[in-house]
C-alpha atoms as a PDB file:
ATOM      1  CA  UNK A   1     -44.081 -15.815 -19.005  1.00  0.00           C
ATOM      2  CA  UNK A   2     -43.365 -17.488 -15.666  1.00  0.00           C
ATOM      3  CA  UNK A   3     -40.930 -19.891 -17.380  1.00  0.00           C
ATOM      4  CA  UNK A   4     -39.071 -16.964 -18.989  1.00  0.00           C
ATOM      5  CA  UNK A   5     -38.689 -15.205 -15.613  1.00  0.00           C
ATOM      6  CA  UNK A   6     -37.304 -18.373 -14.000  1.00  0.00           C
ATOM      7  CA  UNK A   7     -34.887 -18.883 -16.876  1.00  0.00           C
ATOM      8  CA  UNK A   8     -33.702 -15.260 -16.715  1.00  0.00           C
ATOM      9  CA  UNK A   9     -33.243 -15.592 -12.957  1.00  0.00           C
ATOM     10  CA  UNK A  10     -31.155 -18.765 -13.371  1.00  0.00           C
ATOM     11  CA  UNK A  11     -28.961 -17.135 -16.017  1.00  0.00           C
ATOM     12  CA  UNK A  12     -28.473 -13.981 -13.933  1.00  0.00           C
ATOM     13  CA  UNK A  13     -27.666 -16.048 -10.838  1.00  0.00           C
ATOM     14  CA  UNK A  14     -25.132 -18.103 -12.811  1.00  0.00           C
ATOM     15  CA  UNK A  15     -23.450 -15.024 -14.283  1.00  0.00           C
ATOM     16  CA  UNK A  16     -23.240 -13.291 -10.898  1.00  0.00           C
ATOM     17  CA  UNK A  17     -21.942 -16.484  -9.292  1.00  0.00           C
ATOM     18  CA  UNK A  18     -19.311 -16.973 -11.983  1.00  0.00           C
ATOM     19  CA  UNK A  19     -18.180 -13.357 -11.659  1.00  0.00           C
ATOM     20  CA  UNK A  20     -17.636 -13.767  -7.920  1.00  0.00           C
ATOM     21  CA  UNK A  21     -15.487 -16.896  -8.183  1.00  0.00           C
ATOM     22  CA  UNK A  22     -11.859 -16.055  -7.457  1.00  0.00           C
ATOM     23  CA  UNK A  23      -8.937 -18.373  -8.009  1.00  0.00           C
ATOM     24  CA  UNK A  24      -6.859 -18.730  -4.820  1.00  0.00           C
ATOM     25  CA  UNK A  25      -3.626 -18.557  -6.812  1.00  0.00           C
ATOM     26  CA  UNK A  26      -4.833 -15.327  -8.428  1.00  0.00           C
ATOM     27  CA  UNK A  27      -5.510 -13.910  -4.973  1.00  0.00           C
ATOM     28  CA  UNK A  28      -2.003 -14.861  -3.842  1.00  0.00           C
ATOM     29  CA  UNK A  29      -0.400 -13.184  -6.869  1.00  0.00           C
ATOM     30  CA  UNK A  30      -2.556 -10.082  -6.327  1.00  0.00           C
ATOM     31  CA  UNK A  31      -1.435  -9.962  -2.699  1.00  0.00           C
ATOM     32  CA  UNK A  32       2.227 -10.430  -3.615  1.00  0.00           C
ATOM     33  CA  UNK A  33       2.136  -7.776  -6.346  1.00  0.00           C
ATOM     34  CA  UNK A  34       0.369  -5.189  -4.191  1.00  0.00           C
ATOM     35  CA  UNK A  35       2.654  -5.916  -1.237  1.00  0.00           C
ATOM     36  CA  UNK A  36       5.819  -5.577  -3.317  1.00  0.00           C
ATOM     37  CA  UNK A  37       4.656  -2.573  -5.372  1.00  0.00           C
ATOM     38  CA  UNK A  38       3.318  -0.454  -2.540  1.00  0.00           C
ATOM     39  CA  UNK A  39       6.033  -1.774  -0.225  1.00  0.00           C
ATOM     40  CA  UNK A  40       8.749  -0.637  -2.639  1.00  0.00           C
ATOM     41  CA  UNK A  41       7.330   2.888  -2.691  1.00  0.00           C
ATOM     42  CA  UNK A  42       6.903   2.891   1.098  1.00  0.00           C
ATOM     43  CA  UNK A  43      10.432   1.584   1.693  1.00  0.00           C
ATOM     44  CA  UNK A  44      11.900   4.209  -0.624  1.00  0.00           C
ATOM     45  CA  UNK A  45       9.938   6.861   1.237  1.00  0.00           C
ATOM     46  CA  UNK A  46      10.989   5.516   4.651  1.00  0.00           C
ATOM     47  CA  UNK A  47      14.652   4.727   4.079  1.00  0.00           C
ATOM     48  CA  UNK A  48      15.809   7.213   1.446  1.00  0.00           C
ATOM     49  CA  UNK A  49      13.760  10.332   2.029  1.00  0.00           C
ATOM     50  CA  UNK A  50      14.015  12.377   5.222  1.00  0.00           C
ATOM     51  CA  UNK A  51      11.036  11.956   7.562  1.00  0.00           C
ATOM     52  CA  UNK A  52       9.983  15.558   6.958  1.00  0.00           C
ATOM     53  CA  UNK A  53       9.580  14.841   3.213  1.00  0.00           C
ATOM     54  CA  UNK A  54       6.950  12.122   3.693  1.00  0.00           C
ATOM     55  CA  UNK A  55       5.390  12.728   0.280  1.00  0.00           C
ATOM     56  CA  UNK A  56       6.087   9.669  -1.773  1.00  0.00           C
ATOM     57  CA  UNK A  57       3.221   7.442  -0.659  1.00  0.00           C
ATOM     58  CA  UNK A  58       0.009   8.661  -2.310  1.00  0.00           C
ATOM     59  CA  UNK A  59      -3.402   7.182  -1.558  1.00  0.00           C
ATOM     60  CA  UNK A  60      -4.135   6.985  -5.271  1.00  0.00           C
ATOM     61  CA  UNK A  61      -1.305   4.439  -5.612  1.00  0.00           C
ATOM     62  CA  UNK A  62      -3.292   2.050  -3.406  1.00  0.00           C
ATOM     63  CA  UNK A  63      -6.249   2.327  -5.746  1.00  0.00           C
ATOM     64  CA  UNK A  64      -3.982   1.726  -8.743  1.00  0.00           C
ATOM     65  CA  UNK A  65      -2.589  -1.358  -7.019  1.00  0.00           C
ATOM     66  CA  UNK A  66      -6.097  -2.826  -6.827  1.00  0.00           C
ATOM     67  CA  UNK A  67      -6.393  -2.508 -10.600  1.00  0.00           C
ATOM     68  CA  UNK A  68      -2.910  -3.489 -11.805  1.00  0.00           C
ATOM     69  CA  UNK A  69      -2.476  -6.424  -9.424  1.00  0.00           C
ATOM     70  CA  UNK A  70      -6.055  -7.506  -8.782  1.00  0.00           C
ATOM     71  CA  UNK A  71      -7.863  -6.832 -12.048  1.00  0.00           C
ATOM     72  CA  UNK A  72      -5.050  -7.107 -14.576  1.00  0.00           C
ATOM     73  CA  UNK A  73      -7.164  -7.472 -17.717  1.00  0.00           C
ATOM     74  CA  UNK A  74      -9.295  -4.387 -17.123  1.00  0.00           C
ATOM     75  CA  UNK A  75      -8.808  -1.617 -19.697  1.00  0.00           C
ATOM     76  CA  UNK A  76      -8.404   0.744 -16.727  1.00  0.00           C
ATOM     77  CA  UNK A  77      -5.390  -1.266 -15.504  1.00  0.00           C
ATOM     78  CA  UNK A  78      -3.338  -1.147 -18.712  1.00  0.00           C
ATOM     79  CA  UNK A  79      -0.017   0.758 -18.703  1.00  0.00           C
ATOM     80  CA  UNK A  80      -1.236   3.511 -21.028  1.00  0.00           C
ATOM     81  CA  UNK A  81      -4.145   4.245 -18.709  1.00  0.00           C
ATOM     82  CA  UNK A  82      -2.109   3.992 -15.517  1.00  0.00           C
ATOM     83  CA  UNK A  83       0.683   6.280 -16.741  1.00  0.00           C
ATOM     84  CA  UNK A  84      -1.501   8.684 -18.672  1.00  0.00           C
ATOM     85  CA  UNK A  85      -4.214   8.789 -16.026  1.00  0.00           C
ATOM     86  CA  UNK A  86      -1.850   9.666 -13.207  1.00  0.00           C
ATOM     87  CA  UNK A  87       0.541  11.962 -15.069  1.00  0.00           C
ATOM     88  CA  UNK A  88      -2.099  13.948 -16.959  1.00  0.00           C
ATOM     89  CA  UNK A  89      -4.227  14.229 -13.829  1.00  0.00           C
ATOM     90  CA  UNK A  90      -1.227  15.442 -11.824  1.00  0.00           C
ATOM     91  CA  UNK A  91      -0.529  18.112 -14.441  1.00  0.00           C
ATOM     92  CA  UNK A  92      -4.197  19.121 -14.379  1.00  0.00           C
ATOM     93  CA  UNK A  93      -4.262  19.251 -10.580  1.00  0.00           C
ATOM     94  CA  UNK A  94      -1.106  21.345 -10.309  1.00  0.00           C
ATOM     95  CA  UNK A  95      -2.397  23.718 -12.981  1.00  0.00           C
ATOM     96  CA  UNK A  96      -5.678  24.236 -11.122  1.00  0.00           C
ATOM     97  CA  UNK A  97      -3.770  24.757  -7.869  1.00  0.00           C
ATOM     98  CA  UNK A  98      -1.668  27.457  -9.521  1.00  0.00           C
ATOM     99  CA  UNK A  99      -4.577  29.138 -11.286  1.00  0.00           C
ATOM    100  CA  UNK A 100      -6.758  29.208  -8.173  1.00  0.00           C
ATOM    101  CA  UNK A 101      -4.267  29.683  -5.349  1.00  0.00           C
ATOM    102  CA  UNK A 102      -6.369  31.575  -2.786  1.00  0.00           C
ATOM    103  CA  UNK A 103      -7.011  29.346   0.266  1.00  0.00           C
ATOM    104  CA  UNK A 104     -10.698  30.296   0.398  1.00  0.00           C
ATOM    105  CA  UNK A 105     -11.127  28.931  -3.143  1.00  0.00           C
ATOM    106  CA  UNK A 106      -9.316  25.631  -2.548  1.00  0.00           C
ATOM    107  CA  UNK A 107     -12.661  23.795  -2.733  1.00  0.00           C
ATOM    108  CA  UNK A 108     -13.194  25.178  -6.241  1.00  0.00           C
ATOM    109  CA  UNK A 109      -9.665  24.306  -7.361  1.00  0.00           C
ATOM    110  CA  UNK A 110     -10.133  20.751  -6.086  1.00  0.00           C
ATOM    111  CA  UNK A 111     -13.468  20.312  -7.826  1.00  0.00           C
ATOM    112  CA  UNK A 112     -12.095  21.708 -11.082  1.00  0.00           C
ATOM    113  CA  UNK A 113      -8.956  19.563 -10.813  1.00  0.00           C
ATOM    114  CA  UNK A 114     -10.979  16.351 -10.584  1.00  0.00           C
ATOM    115  CA  UNK A 115     -13.572  17.365 -13.184  1.00  0.00           C
ATOM    116  CA  UNK A 116     -10.965  18.564 -15.681  1.00  0.00           C
ATOM    117  CA  UNK A 117      -8.762  15.501 -15.104  1.00  0.00           C
ATOM    118  CA  UNK A 118     -11.705  13.261 -16.007  1.00  0.00           C
ATOM    119  CA  UNK A 119     -12.228  15.154 -19.270  1.00  0.00           C
ATOM    120  CA  UNK A 120      -8.489  15.093 -20.065  1.00  0.00           C
ATOM    121  CA  UNK A 121      -8.356  11.330 -19.449  1.00  0.00           C
ATOM    122  CA  UNK A 122     -11.435  10.802 -21.616  1.00  0.00           C
ATOM    123  CA  UNK A 123     -10.011  12.923 -24.451  1.00  0.00           C
ATOM    124  CA  UNK A 124      -6.692  11.051 -24.372  1.00  0.00           C
ATOM    125  CA  UNK A 125      -8.290   7.621 -23.827  1.00  0.00           C
ATOM    126  CA  UNK A 126      -6.279   7.151 -20.632  1.00  0.00           C
ATOM    127  CA  UNK A 127      -9.073   6.809 -18.067  1.00  0.00           C
ATOM    128  CA  UNK A 128      -7.665   5.500 -14.791  1.00  0.00           C
ATOM    129  CA  UNK A 129      -9.977   6.300 -11.828  1.00  0.00           C
ATOM    130  CA  UNK A 130      -7.159   6.786  -9.276  1.00  0.00           C
ATOM    131  CA  UNK A 131      -5.992   9.671 -11.476  1.00  0.00           C
ATOM    132  CA  UNK A 132      -8.849  11.740 -10.066  1.00  0.00           C
ATOM    133  CA  UNK A 133      -7.383  11.323  -6.583  1.00  0.00           C
ATOM    134  CA  UNK A 134      -3.951  12.278  -7.904  1.00  0.00           C
ATOM    135  CA  UNK A 135      -5.412  15.516  -9.303  1.00  0.00           C
ATOM    136  CA  UNK A 136      -7.200  16.260  -6.038  1.00  0.00           C
ATOM    137  CA  UNK A 137      -4.042  15.647  -3.991  1.00  0.00           C
ATOM    138  CA  UNK A 138      -2.220  18.303  -6.017  1.00  0.00           C
ATOM    139  CA  UNK A 139      -4.725  20.825  -4.655  1.00  0.00           C
ATOM    140  CA  UNK A 140      -5.840  19.440  -1.290  1.00  0.00           C
ATOM    141  CA  UNK A 141      -2.593  17.745  -0.266  1.00  0.00           C
ATOM    142  CA  UNK A 142      -0.169  19.087   2.312  1.00  0.00           C
ATOM    143  CA  UNK A 143       1.710  22.343   1.897  1.00  0.00           C
ATOM    144  CA  UNK A 144       4.779  20.263   0.963  1.00  0.00           C
ATOM    145  CA  UNK A 145       2.915  18.715  -1.970  1.00  0.00           C
ATOM    146  CA  UNK A 146       1.553  22.055  -3.174  1.00  0.00           C
ATOM    147  CA  UNK A 147       5.017  23.606  -2.865  1.00  0.00           C
ATOM    148  CA  UNK A 148       6.393  21.064  -5.345  1.00  0.00           C
ATOM    149  CA  UNK A 149       4.438  22.623  -8.214  1.00  0.00           C
ATOM    150  CA  UNK A 150       5.015  20.701 -11.440  1.00  0.00           C
ATOM    151  CA  UNK A 151       7.764  18.645  -9.785  1.00  0.00           C
ATOM    152  CA  UNK A 152       4.824  16.770  -8.181  1.00  0.00           C
ATOM    153  CA  UNK A 153       4.214  15.260 -11.621  1.00  0.00           C
ATOM    154  CA  UNK A 154       7.723  13.745 -11.752  1.00  0.00           C
ATOM    155  CA  UNK A 155       8.090  12.817  -8.108  1.00  0.00           C
ATOM    156  CA  UNK A 156       6.124  11.341  -6.490  1.00  0.00           C
ATOM    157  CA  UNK A 157       3.588  10.677  -9.284  1.00  0.00           C
ATOM    158  CA  UNK A 158       5.541   9.460 -12.353  1.00  0.00           C
ATOM    159  CA  UNK A 159       8.253   7.784 -10.280  1.00  0.00           C
ATOM    160  CA  UNK A 160       5.711   5.948  -8.127  1.00  0.00           C
ATOM    161  CA  UNK A 161       3.661   4.875 -11.138  1.00  0.00           C
ATOM    162  CA  UNK A 162       6.729   3.439 -12.863  1.00  0.00           C
ATOM    163  CA  UNK A 163       7.644   1.485  -9.715  1.00  0.00           C
ATOM    164  CA  UNK A 164       4.129   0.034  -9.492  1.00  0.00           C
ATOM    165  CA  UNK A 165       4.199  -0.925 -13.168  1.00  0.00           C
ATOM    166  CA  UNK A 166       7.673  -2.465 -12.936  1.00  0.00           C
ATOM    167  CA  UNK A 167       6.476  -4.771 -10.169  1.00  0.00           C
ATOM    168  CA  UNK A 168       3.267  -5.484 -12.133  1.00  0.00           C
ATOM    169  CA  UNK A 169       5.268  -6.522 -15.225  1.00  0.00           C
ATOM    170  CA  UNK A 170       7.407  -8.880 -13.144  1.00  0.00           C
ATOM    171  CA  UNK A 171       4.816 -10.417 -10.810  1.00  0.00           C
ATOM    172  CA  UNK A 172       1.984 -10.671 -13.331  1.00  0.00           C
ATOM    173  CA  UNK A 173       4.195 -12.323 -15.960  1.00  0.00           C
ATOM    174  CA  UNK A 174       5.873 -14.994 -13.862  1.00  0.00           C
ATOM    175  CA  UNK A 175       5.571 -18.200 -15.918  1.00  0.00           C
ATOM    176  CA  UNK A 176       2.281 -19.937 -15.257  1.00  0.00           C
ATOM    177  CA  UNK A 177       0.798 -16.763 -13.843  1.00  0.00           C
ATOM    178  CA  UNK A 178      -1.334 -14.195 -15.659  1.00  0.00           C
ATOM    179  CA  UNK A 179      -0.406 -11.974 -18.574  1.00  0.00           C
ATOM    180  CA  UNK A 180       0.071  -8.267 -18.067  1.00  0.00           C
ATOM    181  CA  UNK A 181      -0.567  -6.068 -19.845  1.00  0.00           C
ATOM    182  CA  UNK A 182      -3.540  -7.493 -21.673  1.00  0.00           C
ATOM    183  CA  UNK A 183      -2.674  -8.762 -25.117  1.00  0.00           C
ATOM    184  CA  UNK A 184      -1.798  -5.874 -27.432  1.00  0.00           C
ATOM    185  CA  UNK A 185      -2.353  -3.236 -24.733  1.00  0.00           C
ATOM    186  CA  UNK A 186       1.213  -2.057 -24.093  1.00  0.00           C
ATOM    187  CA  UNK A 187       0.452   1.448 -25.297  1.00  0.00           C
END
């Protein structure tokens, strides 16, 4: 029994150790991809949109960047999940915001937006955790975001997602680098 416990401990320690090893080149590519992807969205927001329309940079894009540049082989980081997760969650969030528009019920609209977006992503097999934040932003974001209505789905959400993915396709597929999307996971 004691031998079995020691053996299990050694295996668990090895697996945990192996999972925490990170290739320095992989870290550099993750940094470059995240910098370029989020930087592109930020630059577009800063240079091409008036300062009063500061809507284009969403917090959920930062979370997506972690997945598509830092954990490229995860099922949650594949293009179908990234696009579907954000877009369907944005639609869900805007719908909840419109159905429950009274300010005193904003908490309920936000909770329903996130909960329903999870179910929608599960039903469509497009689970992408940052999508929950995208749904919540449609309800709890600034008045400017709420005023966009369903345009929120196209810009900033869909436009930003396509910019992130464009950079991911380029940076993650530079020869000698990693492969993105994962084999056979385009859609």
